[in-house]
Protein backbone atom coordinates (compact mmCIF):
# COMPACT_ATOMS: atom_id res chain seq x y z
CA MET A 1 -22.52 -6.16 -40.25
CA LYS A 2 -21.34 -9.57 -39.02
CA LEU A 3 -24.59 -11.15 -39.28
CA HIS A 4 -22.65 -14.27 -38.75
CA LEU A 5 -21.76 -12.72 -34.87
CA LEU A 6 -25.56 -12.06 -34.01
CA GLN A 7 -26.51 -15.43 -35.02
CA GLU A 8 -23.57 -17.36 -32.85
CA LEU A 9 -24.93 -15.56 -30.08
CA LEU A 10 -28.50 -16.08 -30.56
CA ASP A 11 -28.32 -19.46 -30.28
CA LEU A 12 -25.70 -19.18 -26.62
CA ASN A 13 -29.26 -17.23 -25.45
CA LEU A 14 -31.15 -19.68 -27.10
CA ALA A 15 -28.82 -22.71 -24.73
CA PHE A 16 -28.80 -20.59 -22.24
CA GLU A 17 -31.99 -20.82 -22.51
CA ASN A 18 -32.58 -24.34 -22.53
CA VAL A 19 -31.40 -24.54 -19.37
CA MET A 20 -32.82 -22.25 -17.46
CA SER A 21 -35.75 -23.55 -18.97
CA GLY A 22 -34.59 -27.47 -17.65
CA LEU A 23 -33.95 -25.57 -14.00
CA GLU A 24 -37.40 -24.18 -13.91
CA ARG A 25 -38.55 -27.51 -14.16
CA MET A 26 -36.03 -29.09 -11.58
CA GLU A 27 -37.40 -26.43 -9.27
CA LYS A 28 -41.05 -27.70 -9.79
CA SER A 29 -39.64 -31.33 -8.80
CA ALA A 30 -39.69 -32.64 -4.76
CA LEU A 31 -36.67 -34.46 -5.91
CA PHE A 32 -34.04 -31.66 -6.30
CA ASP A 33 -33.39 -28.73 -3.45
CA LYS A 34 -35.40 -25.73 -4.36
CA ASP A 35 -32.81 -23.21 -2.90
CA GLN A 36 -29.50 -25.00 -4.60
CA VAL A 37 -31.56 -25.05 -8.20
CA ARG A 38 -32.53 -21.29 -7.77
CA TYR A 39 -28.56 -20.61 -6.78
CA THR A 40 -27.33 -22.40 -9.80
CA ARG A 41 -30.02 -20.80 -11.70
CA ALA A 42 -29.07 -17.22 -10.59
CA GLU A 43 -25.62 -18.20 -11.55
CA VAL A 44 -26.99 -19.49 -15.65
CA GLU A 45 -28.10 -16.10 -15.36
CA GLY A 46 -25.35 -14.89 -13.94
CA ALA A 47 -23.60 -16.64 -16.59
CA ARG A 48 -25.72 -15.56 -19.53
CA VAL A 49 -24.99 -11.34 -18.70
CA ASP A 50 -21.64 -12.52 -19.38
CA ALA A 51 -21.60 -13.83 -22.16
CA ASN A 52 -23.92 -10.97 -23.23
CA ARG A 53 -21.83 -8.49 -21.94
CA GLU A 54 -18.69 -9.15 -23.36
CA PHE A 55 -19.92 -9.49 -26.52
CA PHE A 56 -22.09 -6.03 -26.91
CA ASP A 57 -18.07 -4.15 -25.50
CA LYS A 58 -16.11 -6.68 -28.15
CA PHE A 59 -19.22 -5.77 -30.98
CA GLY A 60 -19.84 -2.14 -30.44
CA GLU A 61 -15.10 -2.54 -31.35
CA ILE A 62 -16.08 -4.28 -34.14
CA VAL A 63 -18.66 -1.93 -35.38
CA GLU A 64 -16.83 1.32 -35.20
CA LYS A 65 -13.83 -0.33 -36.95
CA ASP A 66 -15.77 -0.89 -39.47
CA ALA A 67 -17.25 2.91 -39.19
CA LYS A 68 -13.79 4.02 -39.02
CA TRP A 69 -13.01 1.75 -42.22
CA ALA A 70 -16.27 3.44 -44.51
CA TYR A 71 -15.90 7.08 -43.49
CA GLU A 72 -11.83 6.68 -44.15
CA PHE A 73 -12.49 4.87 -47.80
CA ARG A 74 -15.74 7.33 -48.08
CA LEU A 75 -13.86 10.83 -48.29
CA ASN A 76 -10.16 9.37 -49.81
CA HIS A 77 -13.35 8.79 -52.47
CA ASP A 78 -14.61 12.88 -52.55
CA ARG A 79 -10.96 13.58 -52.48
CA GLN A 80 -9.79 12.20 -55.18
CA SER A 81 -12.98 12.33 -57.47
CA LYS A 82 -13.18 16.33 -56.53
CA ASP A 83 -12.59 18.13 -59.41
CA PRO A 84 -9.49 20.35 -58.18
CA PHE A 85 -11.98 24.07 -59.90
CA ASP A 86 -14.67 22.76 -57.18
CA PHE A 87 -11.72 23.89 -54.17
CA TYR A 88 -11.45 27.99 -56.30
CA LEU A 89 -15.00 27.86 -56.46
CA GLU A 90 -15.05 27.46 -52.26
CA VAL A 91 -12.73 29.43 -51.49
CA GLN A 92 -13.93 32.57 -52.97
CA GLU A 93 -17.53 31.67 -51.82
CA ARG A 94 -15.65 32.25 -48.86
CA GLU A 95 -14.34 35.27 -49.69
CA ASP A 96 -17.28 36.74 -50.72
CA GLU A 97 -18.73 36.15 -47.11
CA ARG A 98 -16.09 37.44 -45.67
CA ARG A 99 -16.15 40.88 -48.08
CA ASN A 100 -19.97 40.70 -47.02
CA LYS A 101 -19.55 40.51 -43.55
CA GLY A 102 -16.29 43.89 -43.46
CA LEU A 103 -13.50 41.36 -42.52
CA PRO A 104 -10.47 41.73 -45.15
CA PRO A 105 -9.82 38.48 -47.55
CA ARG A 106 -7.02 35.72 -46.40
CA ALA A 107 -6.64 34.56 -49.94
CA VAL A 108 -5.79 36.23 -52.62
CA LEU A 109 -7.77 35.75 -56.08
CA LEU A 110 -7.23 36.29 -59.95
CA PRO A 111 -10.38 38.44 -61.14
CA GLY A 112 -12.35 36.55 -63.85
CA TRP A 113 -9.66 33.61 -63.78
CA ASP A 114 -11.32 30.80 -65.24
CA GLN A 115 -10.14 27.38 -65.23
CA ASP A 116 -11.10 27.05 -69.47
CA ASP A 117 -8.98 29.96 -69.33
CA GLU A 118 -5.18 27.47 -68.42
CA PRO A 119 -3.58 25.65 -71.48
CA PRO A 120 -3.57 22.12 -70.67
CA SER A 121 -1.05 20.76 -68.35
CA LYS A 122 1.94 19.27 -69.06
CA ASP A 123 0.61 15.68 -67.74
CA GLN A 124 -2.43 16.06 -70.05
CA LYS A 125 -1.09 16.71 -73.13
CA THR A 126 1.15 13.80 -72.37
CA ALA A 127 -2.07 11.43 -71.34
CA ALA A 128 -3.98 12.49 -74.37
CA THR A 129 -1.27 11.61 -77.17
CA LYS A 130 -0.61 8.36 -75.39
CA PRO A 131 -1.99 4.81 -76.28
CA GLN A 132 -4.17 3.41 -73.86
CA THR A 133 -4.39 -0.31 -75.39
CA PRO A 134 -1.38 -2.89 -76.98
CA ARG A 135 -3.64 -3.23 -79.91
CA ALA A 136 -3.21 1.24 -80.15
CA THR A 137 0.11 0.78 -79.81
CA ALA A 138 0.31 -1.35 -83.21
CA ALA A 139 -1.97 0.64 -84.79
CA ARG A 140 0.13 3.37 -84.07
CA THR A 141 3.59 2.08 -85.06
CA PRO A 142 4.22 2.23 -88.33
CA ARG A 143 4.60 -1.65 -90.12
CA THR A 144 8.80 -2.19 -91.73
CA VAL A 145 9.26 -3.29 -95.60
CA ALA A 146 11.78 -4.70 -97.32
CA HIS A 147 14.90 -2.62 -97.51
CA PRO A 148 14.58 -0.90 -100.85
CA HIS A 149 18.68 -0.96 -101.09
CA ARG A 150 18.56 -4.76 -100.66
CA ARG A 151 17.81 -7.47 -103.08
CA LYS A 152 15.90 -10.58 -101.23
CA GLU A 153 18.02 -13.58 -103.03
CA ALA A 154 16.75 -16.59 -104.72
């Protein structure tokens, strides 16, 4: 949440309140025309209302933008972290519900299929054999030795 914006609005409203208090004191004084001071108070109050209305209209847009970002981020994160096998289980549950209602199937599922029955994919094999760090690469690379047919010259 944009707390600094709310603080700015609070400060602005406190300033308006100080102006209104001063105008009320002026209205009680015999030195100033009461109708003119009341008119000025009405103008100041109108300015405060306009400022608050503008703020909350813009603030609402900011909050909606933040809410949209948060929703999209969570949705994408959930999609990325979801197990693909969960999709198969969801389809299976929906198809079971359709069958119980007497509706025709929309998808054909392999009976008794299990994800663990599948051999690992090519991507899974290569990911398992790739070294994860430069140190791991160095540990797997054989060290070179002097060529056996070459003699060291002294």
